[in-house]
Amino acid sequence: MDDATLRERVRELMPRAKSDLAEMVAFRSVHDPKQFPPEECDGIVEWLLGAFGELGFDDVAAHVTSDGSKAVTGQIPGPEGAPTVLLYFHHDVQPPLGEDEWDSPVWELTERDGRWYGRGAADCKGNIAVHLTALRALAGDLGVTVKIVGEGSEEQGTGGLEHFVVENPELLRADAILIADSGNFAVGKPSLTTTLRGIANVDVTVETMGSAMHSGMFGGAAPDALAALIHMLASLRDEDGNTTIAGLDADQKWPGVQYPPEQFRSDATVLDGVDLAGSGTVSDMVWARPAVTVLGIDCPPVVGSSAAVQPRARARINLRVPPGMDPTQAQDALIAHLESVAPWNARVSFEREAVGSPFVGSTSGPAYETLTDALSTAYGTEVAIQGQGGSIPLCNVLQETFPDAEIMLFGVEEPQCLIHAPNESVAPGEIERIALAEAIFLRDYAALAARKG
């Protein structure tokens, strides 16, 4: 099937893609039984079993993972000796984060200003629509074996699929793994995400007195635990906003596509007149360098606070770790730094939270070449190579379990999608073009892999 025919078939399937997405968005599949009925997650799983089953997947099944979520698997066998492609997606979503913040119903796909709105429309049900549309366009004309794996708790980060992969390697083994949980640099700009930052989180507690003391009677000489914590946290960045943790390099350069500052300001909703942080380029700061963020502070709120010197304060710190940096060593450096700058011999204690390694995906090989060419064909322009500041621990598990596989991240989640925020949306054209690229990849990968030997 030539490119023009595939393009037309994908275009004809877009109404079906929209109805697929509408049905998926209607499931409130937040993997959190304290907030949402588990039946909602079960419902999307049953829907997926039916949708992929109709496409001819053998042994399409749901598996209960270690965290209680369900993974969806199945395969369509290709010609004997053909390479295997694993298509990843996740079918759980973020909670609404305030339904009153939405301009249209959270769980109802709504078209507005040329975009489709609803929780999960982009992250990641829009990518499921991509898989279904690409496979329907090919109508079984596959040159490869295709496997699927759908994760049911990605947004909660509880690791169900990570354990499942290690326990079921033969079920998921593949030559190429397409992680459809990323997106383009911008609408209409095809992109591959080749790096992810890791994480090294720490909770720090500062204690200075046995109880809170009146700020009028004791303030001035009393060692204020909150003031000590503020002093310590302030030392983690310099006046320009660069990370300044002793022992961590923070001058790395990003070699790929450059993120225009004005586009970043818009994407990040930076207020007029407020400067961007850091002395590097935006790409350097968000993809190549360590970044420290204070996620929360335990201290008296403004409303209800009293005139008292605080005896205890606590903060949760998130350290993003770029490729090439060991996350455990980075966590050690963060702890040592905070200990060294604590004033007044304050008592400081730490609780180590999550540690996750950074990830570097494939940047060469027949699958990489095929996907790059497919994206370029689908969009009619050059493919950008970008990083992502976030972390996907599953990518590292897949890389460790299948060291010979080419792993690539792509998808429909460009910045305007506002994933994880109210008013999440997806551009229909992104679904159409990414689906076309995936169909071209599934058509062409086997031939290039054979030529490369």
Protein backbone atom coordinates (compact mmCIF):
# COMPACT_ATOMS: atom_id res chain seq x y z
CA MET A 1 0.00 0.00 0.00
CA ASP A 2 1.61 3.28 -1.10
CA ASP A 3 1.84 6.50 0.95
CA ALA A 4 -1.01 8.25 -0.85
CA THR A 5 -3.38 5.34 -0.29
CA LEU A 6 -2.42 5.09 3.37
CA ARG A 7 -2.89 8.82 3.84
CA GLU A 8 -6.37 8.65 2.34
CA ARG A 9 -7.33 5.64 4.43
CA VAL A 10 -6.24 7.37 7.64
CA ARG A 11 -8.20 10.49 6.67
CA GLU A 12 -11.32 8.41 6.02
CA LEU A 13 -10.92 6.77 9.44
CA MET A 14 -10.82 10.04 11.40
CA PRO A 15 -14.57 10.03 12.21
CA ARG A 16 -14.05 6.55 13.67
CA ALA A 17 -11.04 7.84 15.61
CA LYS A 18 -13.20 10.61 17.07
CA SER A 19 -15.93 8.17 18.12
CA ASP A 20 -13.30 5.84 19.61
CA LEU A 21 -11.86 8.71 21.60
CA ALA A 22 -15.29 9.88 22.75
CA GLU A 23 -16.07 6.40 24.08
CA MET A 24 -12.70 6.18 25.86
CA VAL A 25 -12.91 9.67 27.40
CA ALA A 26 -16.30 8.75 28.89
CA PHE A 27 -14.59 6.23 31.18
CA ARG A 28 -13.42 7.97 34.37
CA SER A 29 -10.39 5.70 34.47
CA VAL A 30 -8.44 7.29 37.31
CA HIS A 31 -6.60 4.49 39.10
CA ASP A 32 -7.49 5.70 42.57
CA PRO A 33 -10.33 3.77 44.25
CA LYS A 34 -10.53 6.40 47.00
CA GLN A 35 -11.72 8.96 44.43
CA PHE A 36 -13.20 6.97 41.52
CA PRO A 37 -15.04 3.64 41.23
CA PRO A 38 -12.75 0.79 40.10
CA GLU A 39 -15.50 -0.15 37.65
CA GLU A 40 -14.46 2.82 35.52
CA CYS A 41 -10.96 1.37 35.02
CA ASP A 42 -12.45 -2.06 34.41
CA GLY A 43 -14.74 -0.52 31.81
CA ILE A 44 -11.96 0.95 29.70
CA VAL A 45 -10.09 -2.35 29.88
CA GLU A 46 -13.11 -4.25 28.55
CA TRP A 47 -13.48 -1.65 25.81
CA LEU A 48 -9.84 -2.09 24.80
CA LEU A 49 -10.13 -5.87 24.74
CA GLY A 50 -13.03 -5.52 22.33
CA ALA A 51 -11.40 -2.86 20.14
CA PHE A 52 -8.09 -4.66 19.69
CA GLY A 53 -9.82 -8.02 19.47
CA GLU A 54 -11.80 -6.78 16.45
CA LEU A 55 -8.50 -5.94 14.77
CA GLY A 56 -7.36 -9.56 14.93
CA PHE A 57 -5.10 -9.56 17.98
CA ASP A 58 -4.53 -13.09 19.31
CA ASP A 59 -4.87 -13.79 23.00
CA VAL A 60 -5.88 -10.23 23.80
CA ALA A 61 -6.14 -10.29 27.59
CA ALA A 62 -6.16 -8.29 30.80
CA HIS A 63 -3.67 -9.09 33.56
CA VAL A 64 -3.92 -7.91 37.15
CA THR A 65 -0.58 -6.35 38.09
CA SER A 66 1.09 -5.96 41.49
CA ASP A 67 -0.65 -2.65 42.28
CA GLY A 68 -4.13 -3.91 41.38
CA SER A 69 -4.27 -2.21 37.99
CA LYS A 70 -4.81 -4.16 34.79
CA ALA A 71 -2.40 -4.46 31.89
CA VAL A 72 -3.78 -5.17 28.42
CA THR A 73 -1.75 -7.37 26.06
CA GLY A 74 -2.17 -9.10 22.72
CA GLN A 75 -0.43 -9.71 19.43
CA ILE A 76 -0.96 -10.06 15.70
CA PRO A 77 1.63 -12.52 14.31
CA GLY A 78 3.54 -11.33 11.27
CA PRO A 79 5.42 -13.32 8.62
CA GLU A 80 7.86 -15.89 9.91
CA GLY A 81 11.17 -14.28 10.76
CA ALA A 82 9.73 -10.76 10.73
CA PRO A 83 10.73 -8.33 13.49
CA THR A 84 8.38 -7.63 16.39
CA VAL A 85 7.04 -4.20 17.32
CA LEU A 86 5.59 -3.49 20.77
CA LEU A 87 3.08 -0.62 20.92
CA TYR A 88 2.75 0.92 24.39
CA PHE A 89 -0.05 3.08 25.80
CA HIS A 90 -1.67 3.73 29.17
CA HIS A 91 -5.41 3.75 29.69
CA ASP A 92 -5.59 5.46 33.08
CA VAL A 93 -5.87 9.23 33.33
CA GLN A 94 -5.25 12.09 35.72
CA PRO A 95 -8.14 13.27 37.94
CA PRO A 96 -9.95 16.40 36.71
CA LEU A 97 -8.22 18.71 39.24
CA GLY A 98 -11.39 20.72 39.74
CA GLU A 99 -14.34 20.15 37.41
CA ASP A 100 -15.36 23.78 37.83
CA GLU A 101 -12.07 24.77 36.15
CA TRP A 102 -13.16 23.11 32.89
CA ASP A 103 -14.95 24.99 30.11
CA SER A 104 -16.71 21.81 28.93
CA PRO A 105 -17.64 18.48 30.59
CA VAL A 106 -14.56 16.61 31.82
CA TRP A 107 -15.72 13.17 30.70
CA GLU A 108 -17.38 14.16 27.41
CA LEU A 109 -15.31 14.70 24.27
CA THR A 110 -16.17 18.22 23.15
CA GLU A 111 -15.04 19.91 19.94
CA ARG A 112 -14.15 23.56 20.35
CA ASP A 113 -11.95 25.88 18.26
CA GLY A 114 -10.65 23.00 16.18
CA ARG A 115 -9.55 20.87 19.15
CA TRP A 116 -11.13 17.94 21.03
CA TYR A 117 -11.44 18.50 24.79
CA GLY A 118 -11.78 15.99 27.63
CA ARG A 119 -9.67 14.30 30.29
CA GLY A 120 -7.38 11.82 28.56
CA ALA A 121 -8.06 13.24 25.10
CA ALA A 122 -4.29 13.52 24.64
CA ASP A 123 -2.75 11.72 27.62
CA CYS A 124 -3.02 8.96 26.71
CA LYS A 125 -6.30 7.97 25.05
CA GLY A 126 -5.48 10.09 22.04
CA ASN A 127 -2.47 7.85 21.53
CA ILE A 128 -4.66 4.75 21.80
CA ALA A 129 -6.77 6.23 19.01
CA VAL A 130 -3.54 6.55 17.01
CA HIS A 131 -2.75 2.84 17.40
CA LEU A 132 -6.27 1.78 16.45
CA THR A 133 -6.41 4.10 13.44
CA ALA A 134 -2.99 3.05 12.12
CA LEU A 135 -3.86 -0.63 12.39
CA ARG A 136 -7.25 -0.17 10.77
CA ALA A 137 -5.64 1.75 7.90
CA LEU A 138 -3.30 -1.15 7.21
CA ALA A 139 -6.22 -3.61 7.30
CA GLY A 140 -4.01 -6.53 8.33
CA ASP A 141 -1.32 -5.79 5.72
CA LEU A 142 1.50 -6.03 8.26
CA GLY A 143 5.11 -6.89 7.61
CA VAL A 144 5.86 -7.29 11.30
CA THR A 145 4.51 -9.00 14.38
CA VAL A 146 2.64 -6.40 16.42
CA LYS A 147 2.26 -6.64 20.19
CA ILE A 148 0.43 -4.25 22.48
CA VAL A 149 0.80 -3.44 26.15
CA GLY A 150 -1.51 -1.04 27.92
CA GLU A 151 -0.76 0.22 31.41
CA GLY A 152 -3.47 0.92 33.97
CA SER A 153 -1.68 2.97 36.63
CA GLU A 154 0.90 5.14 34.85
CA GLU A 155 -0.48 8.40 36.21
CA GLN A 156 -0.30 7.13 39.78
CA GLY A 157 3.29 5.94 39.34
CA THR A 158 2.73 2.79 41.38
CA GLY A 159 4.86 0.55 39.19
CA GLY A 160 2.37 -2.18 38.32
CA LEU A 161 3.52 -2.56 34.73
CA GLU A 162 7.17 -2.22 35.67
CA HIS A 163 6.89 -5.39 37.74
CA PHE A 164 4.78 -7.06 35.04
CA VAL A 165 7.45 -6.49 32.38
CA VAL A 166 10.15 -8.16 34.48
CA GLU A 167 7.85 -11.08 35.29
CA ASN A 168 6.65 -11.61 31.69
CA PRO A 169 9.55 -10.84 29.35
CA GLU A 170 8.58 -13.31 26.61
CA LEU A 171 5.05 -11.92 26.42
CA LEU A 172 6.42 -8.45 25.61
CA ARG A 173 9.79 -9.10 23.95
CA ALA A 174 10.23 -7.01 20.80
CA ASP A 175 12.81 -5.60 18.42
CA ALA A 176 11.28 -2.12 18.46
CA ILE A 177 9.22 -0.51 21.22
CA LEU A 178 7.12 2.56 20.43
CA ILE A 179 6.20 4.45 23.60
CA ALA A 180 3.12 6.47 22.62
CA ASP A 181 3.12 8.77 25.64
CA SER A 182 5.00 11.79 24.41
CA GLY A 183 4.42 14.33 21.70
CA ASN A 184 5.61 16.90 19.24
CA PHE A 185 7.62 19.99 19.97
CA ALA A 186 4.66 21.99 18.64
CA VAL A 187 1.56 21.34 16.56
CA GLY A 188 2.69 20.32 13.10
CA LYS A 189 6.34 19.84 14.12
CA PRO A 190 7.11 16.08 14.18
CA SER A 191 9.38 15.14 17.05
CA LEU A 192 11.05 12.21 18.73
CA THR A 193 11.82 12.39 22.43
CA THR A 194 15.22 10.82 22.98
CA THR A 195 15.97 11.65 26.63
CA LEU A 196 14.13 11.81 29.94
CA ARG A 197 15.41 13.23 33.19
CA GLY A 198 15.50 11.02 36.26
CA ILE A 199 14.39 11.96 39.76
CA ALA A 200 15.96 12.09 43.22
CA ASN A 201 13.41 13.26 45.79
CA VAL A 202 14.13 14.14 49.43
CA ASP A 203 12.05 15.22 52.43
CA VAL A 204 14.02 17.46 54.81
CA THR A 205 12.98 18.26 58.37
CA VAL A 206 14.50 21.08 60.47
CA GLU A 207 14.06 21.18 64.27
CA THR A 208 15.36 23.90 66.59
CA MET A 209 13.19 24.09 69.76
CA GLY A 210 10.88 21.99 71.89
CA SER A 211 7.81 24.09 71.13
CA ALA A 212 6.63 27.23 69.37
CA MET A 213 7.54 30.39 71.29
CA HIS A 214 6.04 33.89 71.30
CA SER A 215 7.74 35.98 68.64
CA GLY A 216 7.61 39.11 70.77
CA MET A 217 9.17 37.58 73.88
CA PHE A 218 11.66 35.28 72.16
CA GLY A 219 11.98 36.41 68.53
CA GLY A 220 15.48 37.54 67.60
CA ALA A 221 17.49 35.05 69.61
CA ALA A 222 15.21 32.03 69.25
CA PRO A 223 16.41 29.82 66.37
CA ASP A 224 13.48 29.88 63.95
CA ALA A 225 13.20 26.49 62.22
CA LEU A 226 11.19 27.93 59.33
CA ALA A 227 13.78 30.68 58.77
CA ALA A 228 16.51 28.03 58.82
CA LEU A 229 14.65 25.97 56.22
CA ILE A 230 14.10 29.02 54.00
CA HIS A 231 17.82 29.80 54.19
CA MET A 232 18.67 26.22 53.21
CA LEU A 233 16.22 26.08 50.32
CA ALA A 234 17.37 29.44 49.00
CA SER A 235 20.89 28.06 48.62
CA LEU A 236 19.74 25.52 46.01
CA ARG A 237 19.59 28.19 43.27
CA ASP A 238 21.62 31.27 42.48
CA GLU A 239 20.18 34.71 41.71
CA ASP A 240 19.73 33.74 38.04
CA GLY A 241 17.84 30.57 38.90
CA ASN A 242 20.62 28.06 38.14
CA THR A 243 20.79 24.94 40.30
CA THR A 244 23.67 25.29 42.76
CA ILE A 245 23.89 21.97 44.60
CA ALA A 246 27.49 21.37 45.61
CA GLY A 247 28.98 18.49 43.65
CA LEU A 248 26.47 18.53 40.77
CA ASP A 249 27.41 19.87 37.34
CA ALA A 250 24.80 22.30 36.04
CA ASP A 251 26.33 23.60 32.81
CA GLN A 252 25.31 20.88 30.33
CA LYS A 253 24.23 21.86 26.79
CA TRP A 254 21.32 20.43 24.77
CA PRO A 255 22.49 19.49 21.23
CA GLY A 256 19.07 19.07 19.57
CA VAL A 257 16.16 21.36 18.78
CA GLN A 258 16.13 24.67 20.64
CA TYR A 259 13.02 25.71 22.56
CA PRO A 260 12.29 29.37 21.65
CA PRO A 261 11.96 31.41 24.86
CA GLU A 262 8.75 33.12 23.75
CA GLN A 263 7.16 29.77 22.93
CA PHE A 264 8.23 28.43 26.31
CA ARG A 265 6.81 31.49 28.07
CA SER A 266 3.48 30.82 26.41
CA ASP A 267 3.56 27.04 26.99
CA ALA A 268 4.50 27.51 30.65
CA THR A 269 2.02 30.39 31.20
CA VAL A 270 4.79 32.68 32.49
CA LEU A 271 3.37 36.04 33.54
CA ASP A 272 4.27 39.18 31.61
CA GLY A 273 7.40 40.84 32.96
CA VAL A 274 8.60 37.74 34.84
CA ASP A 275 12.02 36.46 33.74
CA LEU A 276 12.77 32.86 32.83
CA ALA A 277 15.10 31.08 35.25
CA GLY A 278 18.67 30.07 34.50
CA SER A 279 21.54 31.30 32.37
CA GLY A 280 21.39 28.53 29.76
CA THR A 281 19.00 28.18 26.85
CA VAL A 282 15.52 26.90 27.59
CA SER A 283 16.48 23.53 26.08
CA ASP A 284 19.57 23.39 28.32
CA MET A 285 17.54 24.17 31.43
CA VAL A 286 14.62 21.78 30.92
CA TRP A 287 16.26 18.84 29.13
CA ALA A 288 20.01 18.78 29.86
CA ARG A 289 20.60 20.16 33.36
CA PRO A 290 19.59 19.21 36.90
CA ALA A 291 16.60 21.15 38.20
CA VAL A 292 15.51 21.45 41.81
CA THR A 293 11.93 22.26 42.82
CA VAL A 294 10.40 22.67 46.26
CA LEU A 295 7.17 20.69 45.96
CA GLY A 296 5.74 21.54 49.36
CA ILE A 297 6.47 23.01 52.79
CA ASP A 298 4.94 22.06 56.13
CA CYS A 299 4.55 25.28 58.11
CA PRO A 300 1.67 27.33 59.52
CA PRO A 301 -0.67 28.69 56.82
CA VAL A 302 -1.21 32.43 56.67
CA VAL A 303 -4.83 32.14 57.72
CA GLY A 304 -4.83 31.01 61.34
CA SER A 305 -1.15 31.67 61.98
CA SER A 306 -0.05 33.15 65.29
CA ALA A 307 2.81 35.34 66.52
CA ALA A 308 5.17 32.45 67.16
CA VAL A 309 8.71 31.37 66.32
CA GLN A 310 8.46 27.95 64.71
CA PRO A 311 10.26 24.97 66.29
CA ARG A 312 9.92 22.66 63.28
CA ALA A 313 9.55 22.92 59.51
CA ARG A 314 9.63 20.42 56.69
CA ALA A 315 9.94 20.49 52.91
CA ARG A 316 9.62 18.04 50.04
CA ILE A 317 12.25 18.59 47.35
CA ASN A 318 12.19 17.24 43.80
CA LEU A 319 15.52 17.00 41.97
CA ARG A 320 15.36 16.23 38.25
CA VAL A 321 18.50 14.47 37.04
CA PRO A 322 19.70 14.73 33.41
CA PRO A 323 21.16 11.85 31.37
CA GLY A 324 24.72 11.08 32.39
CA MET A 325 24.10 11.80 36.07
CA ASP A 326 23.61 9.04 38.67
CA PRO A 327 20.38 9.73 40.61
CA THR A 328 21.58 8.16 43.86
CA GLN A 329 24.76 10.22 43.82
CA ALA A 330 22.67 13.30 43.03
CA GLN A 331 20.42 12.55 46.00
CA ASP A 332 23.49 12.14 48.20
CA ALA A 333 24.79 15.49 46.97
CA LEU A 334 21.46 17.20 47.70
CA ILE A 335 21.43 15.86 51.27
CA ALA A 336 25.07 16.79 51.87
CA HIS A 337 24.47 20.27 50.51
CA LEU A 338 21.48 20.93 52.75
CA GLU A 339 23.34 19.63 55.80
CA SER A 340 26.29 21.91 55.07
CA VAL A 341 24.21 25.09 54.82
CA ALA A 342 21.93 24.52 57.82
CA PRO A 343 22.38 27.51 60.18
CA TRP A 344 22.68 27.60 63.98
CA ASN A 345 23.53 23.89 64.28
CA ALA A 346 19.85 23.17 63.65
CA ARG A 347 18.90 19.52 63.78
CA VAL A 348 18.32 18.35 60.22
CA SER A 349 16.98 14.95 59.20
CA PHE A 350 16.13 13.46 55.83
CA GLU A 351 13.79 10.93 54.33
CA ARG A 352 14.81 9.62 50.92
CA GLU A 353 11.92 9.37 48.49
CA ALA A 354 11.84 8.06 44.94
CA VAL A 355 15.00 7.61 42.92
CA GLY A 356 14.68 7.08 39.18
CA SER A 357 17.38 6.93 36.53
CA PRO A 358 17.42 9.23 33.51
CA PHE A 359 16.72 7.60 30.17
CA VAL A 360 18.32 7.83 26.72
CA GLY A 361 16.34 6.31 23.88
CA SER A 362 17.46 5.04 20.51
CA THR A 363 19.02 7.50 18.09
CA SER A 364 20.14 5.03 15.43
CA GLY A 365 19.15 1.67 13.99
CA PRO A 366 16.57 0.47 11.47
CA ALA A 367 13.55 1.18 13.68
CA TYR A 368 14.76 4.70 14.48
CA GLU A 369 15.47 5.39 10.81
CA THR A 370 12.10 4.01 9.74
CA LEU A 371 10.14 6.01 12.33
CA THR A 372 12.04 9.21 11.56
CA ASP A 373 11.33 8.80 7.84
CA ALA A 374 7.69 7.94 8.56
CA LEU A 375 7.15 11.04 10.67
CA SER A 376 8.84 13.22 8.07
CA THR A 377 6.62 11.76 5.34
CA ALA A 378 3.46 12.17 7.39
CA TYR A 379 4.18 15.81 8.25
CA GLY A 380 6.12 16.86 5.18
CA THR A 381 8.94 18.37 7.22
CA GLU A 382 12.11 17.53 9.13
CA VAL A 383 11.82 15.67 12.45
CA ALA A 384 12.98 17.47 15.60
CA ILE A 385 14.95 15.68 18.31
CA GLN A 386 13.87 16.83 21.75
CA GLY A 387 14.19 15.88 25.38
CA GLN A 388 11.62 15.76 28.12
CA GLY A 389 12.09 17.04 31.63
CA GLY A 390 9.77 14.45 33.14
CA SER A 391 10.47 10.84 34.04
CA ILE A 392 8.98 7.55 32.81
CA PRO A 393 10.54 4.79 34.94
CA LEU A 394 9.00 2.12 32.70
CA CYS A 395 11.36 3.15 29.89
CA ASN A 396 14.36 2.17 32.01
CA VAL A 397 12.74 -1.16 32.93
CA LEU A 398 12.09 -1.91 29.26
CA GLN A 399 15.66 -0.97 28.37
CA GLU A 400 17.10 -3.19 31.08
CA THR A 401 14.79 -6.11 30.22
CA PHE A 402 15.21 -5.84 26.44
CA PRO A 403 18.69 -4.33 25.95
CA ASP A 404 18.74 -5.03 22.20
CA ALA A 405 15.41 -3.33 21.48
CA GLU A 406 15.17 0.11 19.93
CA ILE A 407 12.97 2.28 22.17
CA MET A 408 11.42 5.51 20.88
CA LEU A 409 8.95 7.99 22.36
CA PHE A 410 6.42 9.90 20.27
CA GLY A 411 2.73 10.75 20.26
CA VAL A 412 0.08 13.47 20.19
CA GLU A 413 0.88 15.34 23.43
CA GLU A 414 2.18 18.73 22.25
CA PRO A 415 2.27 21.70 24.68
CA GLN A 416 -1.19 23.08 23.83
CA CYS A 417 -2.74 19.82 25.06
CA LEU A 418 -2.40 20.96 28.70
CA ILE A 419 -2.03 17.38 29.88
CA HIS A 420 -2.54 16.92 33.63
CA ALA A 421 -4.34 20.28 33.76
CA PRO A 422 -7.97 21.37 33.40
CA ASN A 423 -9.17 21.75 29.79
CA GLU A 424 -6.92 19.02 28.38
CA SER A 425 -7.33 18.73 24.62
CA VAL A 426 -5.86 17.22 21.50
CA ALA A 427 -5.48 18.52 17.96
CA PRO A 428 -7.27 16.09 15.60
CA GLY A 429 -4.62 16.73 12.96
CA GLU A 430 -1.98 15.39 15.31
CA ILE A 431 -3.91 12.12 15.72
CA GLU A 432 -4.24 11.88 11.95
CA ARG A 433 -0.58 12.53 11.14
CA ILE A 434 0.84 10.42 13.97
CA ALA A 435 -1.46 7.54 12.94
CA LEU A 436 -0.23 7.86 9.36
CA ALA A 437 3.39 7.83 10.54
CA GLU A 438 2.78 4.73 12.65
CA ALA A 439 1.09 2.97 9.73
CA ILE A 440 4.03 3.78 7.46
CA PHE A 441 6.42 2.50 10.14
CA LEU A 442 4.56 -0.79 10.51
CA ARG A 443 4.55 -1.17 6.73
CA ASP A 444 8.24 -0.35 6.13
CA TYR A 445 10.20 -1.42 9.22
CA ALA A 446 10.65 -5.09 8.28
CA ALA A 447 12.20 -4.27 4.91
CA LEU A 448 14.75 -1.85 6.33
CA ALA A 449 15.57 -4.22 9.19
CA ALA A 450 16.24 -6.99 6.66
CA ARG A 451 18.53 -4.77 4.58
CA LYS A 452 20.44 -3.70 7.67
CA GLY A 453 20.87 -7.37 8.56
